[in-house]
C-alpha cells in the first residue's frame, strides 16, 4: 500500500494485520480520486473509519488542508500515526481514538464542518445512511461537501439522503464506491 499521488506520492504505508480491516487498495484509492478530481482545492477531511489512514493521507497529499482520522482500535491508531509520520507533516492531521458515534457527537458539539467525508466502515457493520442522516442533522457537512462511501457491492445506497445527492458510483471487485454531494 502506498500514497498514489500528490505531495507525498510514492511513499509506502503500513496496513493493519489480520482480517478485521480491509484497506482500500491503491487501485480503488486512485479511482476514488479520479472520480473526485485528481487534486483537491483545500478543505477539511474526515475519515470516520480510518483503519490505516490511507484515504485521509491521500487526500492531504492531493491538496486537502487538514484531515481528521477516527478509529476505535488501538492498533489502527498506532498504524495511522506511523503512516502520518511518513508524510513528515503531522500538523496536517488529527488522530482520534473513538467510535463513529462518539466522533459525530464531538464534532457536533464543536460545531465542526467537513468538506470531504470518507466512510469505509467494516462491511458487516455498515450503518451509512443512519450515520449520514445524523451528520446532516448536526450540520457537519459544508455546502457542496463530498461524501465518499466504500461498501460491499451488494449494498444498495439510495440516490438521495436528505440533502445528499448521488453524483457517481462505480464497482471495483467486491467493493462499490458511491460519491454524494451535499446540496444543502
N, C-alpha and C. Protein backbone atom coordinates (compact mmCIF):
# COMPACT_ATOMS: atom_id res chain seq x y z
N UNK A 1 0.85 -1.17 0.00
CA UNK A 1 0.00 0.00 0.00
C UNK A 1 0.89 1.24 0.00
N UNK A 2 0.50 2.23 -0.81
CA UNK A 2 1.32 3.43 -0.90
C UNK A 2 0.43 4.64 -1.11
N UNK A 3 1.03 5.82 -1.03
CA UNK A 3 0.34 7.05 -1.37
C UNK A 3 0.45 7.16 -2.89
N UNK A 4 -0.68 7.25 -3.58
CA UNK A 4 -0.72 7.14 -5.03
C UNK A 4 -0.17 8.38 -5.73
N UNK A 5 -0.57 9.57 -5.27
CA UNK A 5 -0.17 10.79 -6.00
C UNK A 5 -0.11 11.98 -5.05
N UNK A 6 0.36 13.09 -5.60
CA UNK A 6 0.40 14.34 -4.84
C UNK A 6 1.73 14.54 -4.15
N UNK A 7 1.73 15.44 -3.18
CA UNK A 7 2.94 15.84 -2.46
C UNK A 7 3.70 14.67 -1.85
N UNK A 8 2.98 13.68 -1.34
CA UNK A 8 3.63 12.53 -0.69
C UNK A 8 3.61 11.29 -1.57
N UNK A 9 3.28 11.44 -2.83
CA UNK A 9 3.12 10.32 -3.75
C UNK A 9 4.30 9.36 -3.77
N UNK A 10 4.00 8.07 -3.79
CA UNK A 10 5.01 7.03 -3.88
C UNK A 10 5.48 6.49 -2.53
N UNK A 11 5.21 7.22 -1.47
CA UNK A 11 5.66 6.76 -0.14
C UNK A 11 4.83 5.57 0.30
N UNK A 12 5.50 4.61 0.92
CA UNK A 12 4.86 3.38 1.38
C UNK A 12 4.12 3.61 2.70
N UNK A 13 2.96 2.96 2.80
CA UNK A 13 2.16 3.00 4.02
C UNK A 13 2.04 1.60 4.59
N UNK A 14 1.92 1.53 5.90
CA UNK A 14 1.69 0.24 6.56
C UNK A 14 0.20 -0.01 6.63
N UNK A 15 -0.17 -1.29 6.66
CA UNK A 15 -1.58 -1.62 6.86
C UNK A 15 -1.69 -2.53 8.08
N UNK A 16 -2.88 -2.62 8.60
CA UNK A 16 -3.13 -3.44 9.78
C UNK A 16 -3.12 -4.92 9.41
N UNK A 17 -2.51 -5.70 10.26
CA UNK A 17 -2.52 -7.15 10.06
C UNK A 17 -3.86 -7.70 10.51
N UNK A 18 -4.23 -8.84 9.99
CA UNK A 18 -5.45 -9.51 10.42
C UNK A 18 -6.60 -9.29 9.46
N UNK A 19 -7.73 -9.85 9.82
CA UNK A 19 -8.90 -9.82 8.94
C UNK A 19 -9.94 -8.81 9.37
N UNK A 20 -9.64 -8.01 10.44
CA UNK A 20 -10.62 -7.05 10.91
C UNK A 20 -10.68 -5.79 10.06
N UNK A 21 -9.65 -5.55 9.28
CA UNK A 21 -9.66 -4.36 8.42
C UNK A 21 -9.48 -4.78 6.97
N UNK A 22 -9.91 -3.90 6.09
CA UNK A 22 -9.85 -4.15 4.67
C UNK A 22 -9.36 -2.85 4.04
N UNK A 23 -8.03 -2.67 3.97
CA UNK A 23 -7.53 -1.41 3.44
C UNK A 23 -7.95 -1.20 2.00
N UNK A 24 -8.23 0.05 1.68
CA UNK A 24 -8.59 0.40 0.31
C UNK A 24 -7.36 0.18 -0.56
N UNK A 25 -7.51 -0.59 -1.61
CA UNK A 25 -6.37 -0.88 -2.48
C UNK A 25 -5.93 0.39 -3.21
N UNK A 26 -4.68 0.39 -3.66
CA UNK A 26 -4.16 1.53 -4.41
C UNK A 26 -5.02 1.79 -5.65
N UNK A 27 -5.48 0.73 -6.28
CA UNK A 27 -6.31 0.87 -7.48
C UNK A 27 -7.61 1.60 -7.16
N UNK A 28 -8.28 1.18 -6.09
CA UNK A 28 -9.55 1.81 -5.71
C UNK A 28 -9.31 3.23 -5.22
N UNK A 29 -8.22 3.42 -4.46
CA UNK A 29 -7.88 4.76 -3.98
C UNK A 29 -7.66 5.71 -5.17
N UNK A 30 -6.90 5.25 -6.16
CA UNK A 30 -6.69 6.05 -7.36
C UNK A 30 -7.99 6.36 -8.06
N UNK A 31 -8.88 5.37 -8.15
CA UNK A 31 -10.17 5.55 -8.80
C UNK A 31 -11.03 6.56 -8.05
N UNK A 32 -11.01 6.49 -6.72
CA UNK A 32 -11.78 7.44 -5.91
C UNK A 32 -11.36 8.87 -6.24
N UNK A 33 -10.05 9.10 -6.28
CA UNK A 33 -9.58 10.46 -6.53
C UNK A 33 -9.75 10.86 -7.99
N UNK A 34 -9.79 9.91 -8.91
CA UNK A 34 -10.14 10.23 -10.29
C UNK A 34 -11.59 10.69 -10.36
N UNK A 35 -12.46 10.05 -9.56
CA UNK A 35 -13.86 10.43 -9.52
C UNK A 35 -14.06 11.79 -8.87
N UNK A 36 -13.23 12.12 -7.88
CA UNK A 36 -13.33 13.41 -7.19
C UNK A 36 -12.70 14.55 -7.99
N UNK A 37 -11.80 14.21 -8.85
CA UNK A 37 -10.94 15.19 -9.50
C UNK A 37 -9.56 14.93 -8.92
N UNK A 38 -8.56 14.80 -9.72
CA UNK A 38 -7.24 14.35 -9.27
C UNK A 38 -6.75 15.05 -8.00
N UNK A 39 -6.93 16.36 -7.93
CA UNK A 39 -6.39 17.12 -6.80
C UNK A 39 -7.51 17.90 -6.13
N UNK A 40 -7.37 18.07 -4.82
CA UNK A 40 -8.37 18.78 -4.03
C UNK A 40 -7.91 20.21 -3.83
N UNK A 41 -8.86 21.11 -3.75
CA UNK A 41 -8.57 22.52 -3.57
C UNK A 41 -8.80 22.89 -2.11
N UNK A 42 -7.88 22.45 -1.24
CA UNK A 42 -8.01 22.73 0.19
C UNK A 42 -9.10 21.90 0.82
N UNK A 43 -9.63 22.38 1.91
CA UNK A 43 -10.75 21.73 2.58
C UNK A 43 -10.35 20.86 3.75
N UNK A 44 -11.36 20.58 4.56
CA UNK A 44 -11.24 19.74 5.75
C UNK A 44 -11.77 18.35 5.43
N UNK A 45 -11.02 17.33 5.84
CA UNK A 45 -11.36 15.93 5.57
C UNK A 45 -11.67 15.21 6.87
N UNK A 46 -12.69 14.37 6.85
CA UNK A 46 -12.96 13.46 7.95
C UNK A 46 -12.95 12.05 7.40
N UNK A 47 -12.07 11.22 7.95
CA UNK A 47 -12.01 9.79 7.62
C UNK A 47 -12.53 9.07 8.86
N UNK A 48 -13.81 8.71 8.84
CA UNK A 48 -14.51 8.26 10.06
C UNK A 48 -14.17 6.83 10.49
N UNK A 49 -13.75 5.99 9.57
CA UNK A 49 -13.33 4.62 9.90
C UNK A 49 -11.94 4.48 9.29
N UNK A 50 -10.98 5.13 9.87
CA UNK A 50 -9.71 5.41 9.20
C UNK A 50 -8.84 4.18 8.93
N UNK A 51 -8.89 3.16 9.78
CA UNK A 51 -8.08 1.95 9.54
C UNK A 51 -6.60 2.25 9.55
N UNK A 52 -6.00 2.40 8.38
CA UNK A 52 -4.57 2.72 8.29
C UNK A 52 -4.33 4.21 8.03
N UNK A 53 -5.41 4.95 7.78
CA UNK A 53 -5.30 6.37 7.48
C UNK A 53 -5.02 6.68 6.02
N UNK A 54 -5.01 5.66 5.17
CA UNK A 54 -4.62 5.81 3.78
C UNK A 54 -5.45 6.82 2.99
N UNK A 55 -6.76 6.83 3.18
CA UNK A 55 -7.60 7.76 2.42
C UNK A 55 -7.37 9.20 2.86
N UNK A 56 -7.28 9.42 4.17
CA UNK A 56 -7.04 10.77 4.68
C UNK A 56 -5.68 11.28 4.24
N UNK A 57 -4.67 10.42 4.30
CA UNK A 57 -3.32 10.81 3.90
C UNK A 57 -3.28 11.12 2.41
N UNK A 58 -3.97 10.31 1.61
CA UNK A 58 -4.04 10.56 0.18
C UNK A 58 -4.71 11.91 -0.09
N UNK A 59 -5.78 12.22 0.64
CA UNK A 59 -6.49 13.49 0.45
C UNK A 59 -5.58 14.68 0.75
N UNK A 60 -4.82 14.61 1.83
CA UNK A 60 -3.90 15.70 2.17
C UNK A 60 -2.78 15.77 1.14
N UNK A 61 -2.28 14.63 0.71
CA UNK A 61 -1.24 14.59 -0.31
C UNK A 61 -1.71 15.29 -1.59
N UNK A 62 -3.01 15.20 -1.86
CA UNK A 62 -3.57 15.76 -3.10
C UNK A 62 -4.17 17.15 -2.90
N UNK A 63 -3.91 17.78 -1.76
CA UNK A 63 -4.29 19.19 -1.63
C UNK A 63 -5.24 19.57 -0.51
N UNK A 64 -5.82 18.62 0.22
CA UNK A 64 -6.67 18.99 1.35
C UNK A 64 -5.81 19.68 2.41
N UNK A 65 -6.40 20.62 3.13
CA UNK A 65 -5.66 21.37 4.15
C UNK A 65 -5.35 20.54 5.39
N UNK A 66 -6.32 19.75 5.83
CA UNK A 66 -6.22 19.04 7.10
C UNK A 66 -7.15 17.84 7.07
N UNK A 67 -6.77 16.79 7.78
CA UNK A 67 -7.61 15.59 7.86
C UNK A 67 -7.70 15.11 9.30
N UNK A 68 -8.89 14.67 9.66
CA UNK A 68 -9.14 14.05 10.96
C UNK A 68 -9.33 12.56 10.70
N UNK A 69 -8.52 11.75 11.36
CA UNK A 69 -8.59 10.29 11.25
C UNK A 69 -9.20 9.74 12.53
N UNK A 70 -10.31 9.04 12.41
CA UNK A 70 -11.00 8.48 13.56
C UNK A 70 -11.02 6.96 13.43
N UNK A 71 -10.65 6.28 14.50
CA UNK A 71 -10.80 4.83 14.57
C UNK A 71 -10.91 4.44 16.03
N UNK A 72 -11.58 3.35 16.30
CA UNK A 72 -11.76 2.93 17.70
C UNK A 72 -10.72 1.92 18.17
N UNK A 73 -9.91 1.42 17.24
CA UNK A 73 -8.95 0.37 17.55
C UNK A 73 -7.58 0.96 17.91
N UNK A 74 -7.01 0.50 19.02
CA UNK A 74 -5.66 0.93 19.41
C UNK A 74 -4.64 0.60 18.33
N UNK A 75 -4.72 -0.60 17.76
CA UNK A 75 -3.74 -0.99 16.74
C UNK A 75 -3.88 -0.13 15.49
N UNK A 76 -5.11 0.24 15.14
CA UNK A 76 -5.31 1.13 13.98
C UNK A 76 -4.71 2.51 14.26
N UNK A 77 -4.94 3.03 15.44
CA UNK A 77 -4.41 4.36 15.80
C UNK A 77 -2.88 4.35 15.71
N UNK A 78 -2.27 3.28 16.17
CA UNK A 78 -0.80 3.17 16.10
C UNK A 78 -0.32 3.20 14.65
N UNK A 79 -0.98 2.44 13.77
CA UNK A 79 -0.60 2.41 12.34
C UNK A 79 -0.87 3.77 11.69
N UNK A 80 -2.00 4.40 12.01
CA UNK A 80 -2.31 5.72 11.45
C UNK A 80 -1.20 6.70 11.79
N UNK A 81 -0.79 6.71 13.05
CA UNK A 81 0.28 7.64 13.48
C UNK A 81 1.59 7.34 12.74
N UNK A 82 1.92 6.06 12.59
CA UNK A 82 3.15 5.70 11.85
C UNK A 82 3.06 6.14 10.39
N UNK A 83 1.88 5.98 9.79
CA UNK A 83 1.70 6.40 8.40
C UNK A 83 1.74 7.92 8.25
N UNK A 84 1.21 8.63 9.21
CA UNK A 84 1.28 10.09 9.18
C UNK A 84 2.74 10.54 9.29
N UNK A 85 3.53 9.84 10.09
CA UNK A 85 4.96 10.18 10.21
C UNK A 85 5.67 10.12 8.86
N UNK A 86 5.22 9.24 7.98
CA UNK A 86 5.81 9.09 6.64
C UNK A 86 5.67 10.40 5.85
N UNK A 87 4.61 11.17 6.13
CA UNK A 87 4.37 12.42 5.38
C UNK A 87 5.30 13.55 5.83
N UNK A 88 5.84 13.44 7.03
CA UNK A 88 6.68 14.50 7.62
C UNK A 88 5.89 15.79 7.86
N UNK A 89 4.55 15.69 7.89
CA UNK A 89 3.68 16.85 8.15
C UNK A 89 2.57 16.47 9.14
N UNK A 90 2.93 16.09 10.38
CA UNK A 90 1.91 15.67 11.33
C UNK A 90 0.91 16.78 11.68
N UNK A 91 1.31 18.04 11.48
CA UNK A 91 0.42 19.16 11.81
C UNK A 91 -0.82 19.20 10.89
N UNK A 92 -0.78 18.47 9.80
CA UNK A 92 -1.92 18.45 8.86
C UNK A 92 -2.96 17.39 9.22
N UNK A 93 -2.73 16.70 10.35
CA UNK A 93 -3.61 15.59 10.73
C UNK A 93 -3.97 15.67 12.21
N UNK A 94 -5.18 15.21 12.51
CA UNK A 94 -5.62 14.99 13.88
C UNK A 94 -6.07 13.54 13.96
N UNK A 95 -5.60 12.82 14.97
CA UNK A 95 -5.95 11.40 15.13
C UNK A 95 -6.76 11.26 16.41
N UNK A 96 -7.93 10.65 16.31
CA UNK A 96 -8.81 10.47 17.46
C UNK A 96 -9.18 9.00 17.62
N UNK A 97 -8.99 8.50 18.84
CA UNK A 97 -9.39 7.13 19.14
C UNK A 97 -10.78 7.16 19.77
N UNK A 98 -11.76 6.85 18.96
CA UNK A 98 -13.15 6.78 19.42
C UNK A 98 -13.98 6.13 18.33
N UNK A 99 -15.21 5.75 18.68
CA UNK A 99 -16.05 5.17 17.64
C UNK A 99 -16.78 6.28 16.88
N UNK A 100 -17.42 5.90 15.80
CA UNK A 100 -18.07 6.88 14.91
C UNK A 100 -19.12 7.70 15.64
N UNK A 101 -19.91 7.05 16.46
CA UNK A 101 -20.99 7.76 17.18
C UNK A 101 -20.41 8.83 18.11
N UNK A 102 -19.35 8.49 18.84
CA UNK A 102 -18.70 9.46 19.72
C UNK A 102 -18.12 10.62 18.91
N UNK A 103 -17.50 10.30 17.79
CA UNK A 103 -16.88 11.33 16.94
C UNK A 103 -17.95 12.29 16.41
N UNK A 104 -19.06 11.75 15.93
CA UNK A 104 -20.13 12.60 15.40
C UNK A 104 -20.63 13.54 16.48
N UNK A 105 -20.85 13.01 17.69
CA UNK A 105 -21.32 13.83 18.80
C UNK A 105 -20.28 14.92 19.15
N UNK A 106 -19.02 14.56 19.18
CA UNK A 106 -17.96 15.53 19.50
C UNK A 106 -17.90 16.65 18.46
N UNK A 107 -17.93 16.29 17.18
CA UNK A 107 -17.85 17.31 16.13
C UNK A 107 -19.08 18.22 16.15
N UNK A 108 -20.24 17.65 16.45
CA UNK A 108 -21.47 18.45 16.55
C UNK A 108 -21.33 19.47 17.68
N UNK A 109 -20.80 19.01 18.81
CA UNK A 109 -20.59 19.90 19.96
C UNK A 109 -19.61 21.02 19.64
N UNK A 110 -18.58 20.69 18.86
CA UNK A 110 -17.55 21.67 18.48
C UNK A 110 -18.00 22.57 17.33
N UNK A 111 -19.10 22.22 16.67
CA UNK A 111 -19.57 23.00 15.52
C UNK A 111 -18.67 22.85 14.30
N UNK A 112 -18.01 21.70 14.17
CA UNK A 112 -17.10 21.45 13.04
C UNK A 112 -17.88 21.20 11.77
N UNK A 113 -17.25 21.50 10.65
CA UNK A 113 -17.79 21.16 9.34
C UNK A 113 -16.68 20.59 8.49
N UNK A 114 -17.05 19.64 7.64
CA UNK A 114 -16.08 18.96 6.78
C UNK A 114 -16.49 19.12 5.32
N UNK A 115 -15.47 19.19 4.45
CA UNK A 115 -15.68 19.33 3.02
C UNK A 115 -15.61 17.99 2.29
N UNK A 116 -14.92 17.02 2.92
CA UNK A 116 -14.80 15.67 2.37
C UNK A 116 -14.99 14.69 3.52
N UNK A 117 -15.85 13.72 3.31
CA UNK A 117 -16.10 12.69 4.32
C UNK A 117 -15.88 11.34 3.67
N UNK A 118 -14.96 10.56 4.24
CA UNK A 118 -14.72 9.19 3.78
C UNK A 118 -15.38 8.24 4.77
N UNK A 119 -16.27 7.40 4.25
CA UNK A 119 -16.95 6.38 5.06
C UNK A 119 -16.63 5.02 4.47
N UNK A 120 -15.77 4.30 5.15
CA UNK A 120 -15.38 2.96 4.72
C UNK A 120 -15.44 2.04 5.92
N UNK A 121 -16.65 1.87 6.49
CA UNK A 121 -16.77 1.04 7.69
C UNK A 121 -16.62 -0.44 7.36
N UNK A 122 -16.37 -1.26 8.39
CA UNK A 122 -16.35 -2.70 8.14
C UNK A 122 -17.66 -3.12 7.46
N UNK A 123 -17.55 -3.90 6.41
CA UNK A 123 -18.72 -4.27 5.61
C UNK A 123 -19.86 -4.85 6.46
N UNK A 124 -19.52 -5.63 7.47
CA UNK A 124 -20.56 -6.28 8.27
C UNK A 124 -21.26 -5.31 9.22
N UNK A 125 -20.68 -4.13 9.44
CA UNK A 125 -21.23 -3.20 10.44
C UNK A 125 -21.63 -1.86 9.83
N UNK A 126 -22.00 -1.86 8.58
CA UNK A 126 -22.29 -0.59 7.92
C UNK A 126 -23.65 -0.04 8.31
N UNK A 127 -23.64 1.22 8.71
CA UNK A 127 -24.84 1.98 9.03
C UNK A 127 -24.74 3.34 8.36
N UNK A 128 -24.36 3.33 7.11
CA UNK A 128 -24.02 4.55 6.40
C UNK A 128 -25.18 5.54 6.34
N UNK A 129 -26.36 5.10 5.99
CA UNK A 129 -27.49 6.02 5.87
C UNK A 129 -27.79 6.67 7.22
N UNK A 130 -27.80 5.88 8.28
CA UNK A 130 -28.07 6.42 9.62
C UNK A 130 -26.99 7.43 10.03
N UNK A 131 -25.72 7.09 9.78
CA UNK A 131 -24.63 7.99 10.16
C UNK A 131 -24.68 9.28 9.35
N UNK A 132 -24.97 9.19 8.07
CA UNK A 132 -25.05 10.40 7.25
C UNK A 132 -26.23 11.28 7.67
N UNK A 133 -27.34 10.66 8.01
CA UNK A 133 -28.50 11.41 8.48
C UNK A 133 -28.16 12.16 9.77
N UNK A 134 -27.47 11.47 10.69
CA UNK A 134 -27.02 12.11 11.94
C UNK A 134 -26.09 13.29 11.66
N UNK A 135 -25.15 13.08 10.74
CA UNK A 135 -24.18 14.13 10.43
C UNK A 135 -24.85 15.34 9.78
N UNK A 136 -25.82 15.09 8.93
CA UNK A 136 -26.56 16.19 8.30
C UNK A 136 -27.37 16.95 9.34
N UNK A 137 -28.01 16.23 10.25
CA UNK A 137 -28.78 16.87 11.32
C UNK A 137 -27.89 17.74 12.20
N UNK A 138 -26.65 17.32 12.39
CA UNK A 138 -25.70 18.07 13.22
C UNK A 138 -24.95 19.14 12.42
N UNK A 139 -25.28 19.28 11.13
CA UNK A 139 -24.67 20.29 10.25
C UNK A 139 -23.14 20.13 10.17
N UNK A 140 -22.69 18.87 10.04
CA UNK A 140 -21.25 18.60 10.00
C UNK A 140 -20.67 18.65 8.58
N UNK A 141 -21.52 18.76 7.57
CA UNK A 141 -21.04 18.78 6.19
C UNK A 141 -21.28 20.16 5.58
N UNK A 142 -20.23 20.73 5.04
CA UNK A 142 -20.35 22.04 4.40
C UNK A 142 -21.22 21.93 3.15
N UNK A 143 -21.71 23.06 2.69
CA UNK A 143 -22.45 23.07 1.43
C UNK A 143 -21.49 22.68 0.32
N UNK A 144 -21.88 21.74 -0.50
CA UNK A 144 -21.01 21.25 -1.56
C UNK A 144 -20.05 20.15 -1.13
N UNK A 145 -20.10 19.77 0.15
CA UNK A 145 -19.22 18.70 0.66
C UNK A 145 -19.43 17.43 -0.15
N UNK A 146 -18.35 16.67 -0.30
CA UNK A 146 -18.44 15.39 -0.99
C UNK A 146 -18.28 14.28 0.04
N UNK A 147 -19.15 13.27 -0.09
CA UNK A 147 -19.15 12.12 0.80
C UNK A 147 -18.80 10.91 -0.04
N UNK A 148 -17.73 10.22 0.36
CA UNK A 148 -17.25 9.07 -0.39
C UNK A 148 -17.48 7.82 0.46
N UNK A 149 -18.32 6.92 -0.02
CA UNK A 149 -18.67 5.70 0.71
C UNK A 149 -18.08 4.50 -0.02
N UNK A 150 -17.40 3.64 0.71
CA UNK A 150 -16.94 2.38 0.14
C UNK A 150 -17.71 1.27 0.83
N UNK A 151 -18.44 0.49 0.04
CA UNK A 151 -19.29 -0.56 0.59
C UNK A 151 -19.07 -1.86 -0.17
N UNK A 152 -19.66 -2.92 0.34
CA UNK A 152 -19.75 -4.16 -0.41
C UNK A 152 -20.61 -3.88 -1.63
N UNK A 153 -20.28 -4.48 -2.77
CA UNK A 153 -21.03 -4.17 -4.00
C UNK A 153 -22.50 -4.58 -3.91
N UNK A 154 -22.84 -5.44 -2.96
CA UNK A 154 -24.23 -5.87 -2.80
C UNK A 154 -25.08 -4.82 -2.08
N UNK A 155 -24.46 -3.86 -1.43
CA UNK A 155 -25.19 -2.83 -0.69
C UNK A 155 -25.77 -1.81 -1.67
N UNK A 156 -27.05 -1.54 -1.54
CA UNK A 156 -27.70 -0.55 -2.39
C UNK A 156 -27.94 0.71 -1.57
N UNK A 157 -27.18 1.74 -1.85
CA UNK A 157 -27.38 3.03 -1.19
C UNK A 157 -28.39 3.84 -1.99
N UNK A 158 -29.21 4.65 -1.31
CA UNK A 158 -30.22 5.43 -2.02
C UNK A 158 -29.60 6.54 -2.88
N UNK A 159 -30.36 7.03 -3.84
CA UNK A 159 -29.88 8.12 -4.70
C UNK A 159 -29.75 9.42 -3.93
N UNK A 160 -30.63 9.62 -2.95
CA UNK A 160 -30.60 10.82 -2.11
C UNK A 160 -30.72 10.42 -0.66
N UNK A 161 -29.96 11.13 0.18
CA UNK A 161 -30.09 11.00 1.63
C UNK A 161 -30.22 12.43 2.13
N UNK A 162 -31.44 12.84 2.43
CA UNK A 162 -31.73 14.24 2.78
C UNK A 162 -31.15 15.15 1.70
N UNK A 163 -30.19 16.01 2.07
CA UNK A 163 -29.63 16.96 1.09
C UNK A 163 -28.48 16.39 0.28
N UNK A 164 -28.14 15.12 0.51
CA UNK A 164 -27.06 14.49 -0.25
C UNK A 164 -27.60 13.90 -1.54
N UNK A 165 -26.93 14.22 -2.63
CA UNK A 165 -27.33 13.73 -3.95
C UNK A 165 -26.22 12.85 -4.51
N UNK A 166 -26.57 11.64 -4.94
CA UNK A 166 -25.59 10.73 -5.53
C UNK A 166 -25.08 11.34 -6.84
N UNK A 167 -23.74 11.46 -6.97
CA UNK A 167 -23.20 12.02 -8.20
C UNK A 167 -22.39 11.00 -9.00
N UNK A 168 -21.81 10.00 -8.32
CA UNK A 168 -21.05 8.96 -9.04
C UNK A 168 -21.10 7.67 -8.26
N UNK A 169 -21.04 6.56 -9.02
CA UNK A 169 -21.00 5.24 -8.38
C UNK A 169 -20.27 4.28 -9.31
N UNK A 170 -19.36 3.50 -8.74
CA UNK A 170 -18.58 2.58 -9.54
C UNK A 170 -18.26 1.34 -8.71
N UNK A 171 -18.21 0.17 -9.35
CA UNK A 171 -17.87 -1.08 -8.68
C UNK A 171 -16.46 -1.50 -9.06
N UNK A 172 -15.69 -1.93 -8.05
CA UNK A 172 -14.33 -2.44 -8.24
C UNK A 172 -14.22 -3.75 -7.47
N UNK A 173 -14.26 -4.87 -8.17
CA UNK A 173 -14.19 -6.17 -7.49
C UNK A 173 -15.36 -6.34 -6.55
N UNK A 174 -15.08 -6.58 -5.25
CA UNK A 174 -16.15 -6.74 -4.27
C UNK A 174 -16.60 -5.41 -3.67
N UNK A 175 -15.92 -4.32 -4.03
CA UNK A 175 -16.20 -3.00 -3.45
C UNK A 175 -16.99 -2.13 -4.41
N UNK A 176 -17.82 -1.28 -3.80
CA UNK A 176 -18.52 -0.27 -4.58
C UNK A 176 -18.22 1.09 -3.96
N UNK A 177 -17.90 2.05 -4.80
CA UNK A 177 -17.63 3.42 -4.35
C UNK A 177 -18.80 4.28 -4.78
N UNK A 178 -19.39 4.98 -3.82
CA UNK A 178 -20.51 5.87 -4.08
C UNK A 178 -20.12 7.25 -3.58
N UNK A 179 -20.32 8.26 -4.42
CA UNK A 179 -19.97 9.63 -4.03
C UNK A 179 -21.24 10.48 -4.06
N UNK A 180 -21.47 11.18 -2.95
CA UNK A 180 -22.58 12.11 -2.82
C UNK A 180 -22.03 13.53 -2.71
N UNK A 181 -22.86 14.51 -3.10
CA UNK A 181 -22.55 15.91 -2.88
C UNK A 181 -23.65 16.50 -2.01
N UNK A 182 -23.27 17.30 -1.02
CA UNK A 182 -24.25 17.95 -0.15
C UNK A 182 -24.78 19.17 -0.87
N UNK A 183 -26.05 19.11 -1.24
CA UNK A 183 -26.69 20.22 -1.96
C UNK A 183 -27.37 21.18 -1.00
N UNK A 184 -27.29 20.90 0.30
CA UNK A 184 -27.98 21.74 1.30
C UNK A 184 -27.17 22.93 1.71
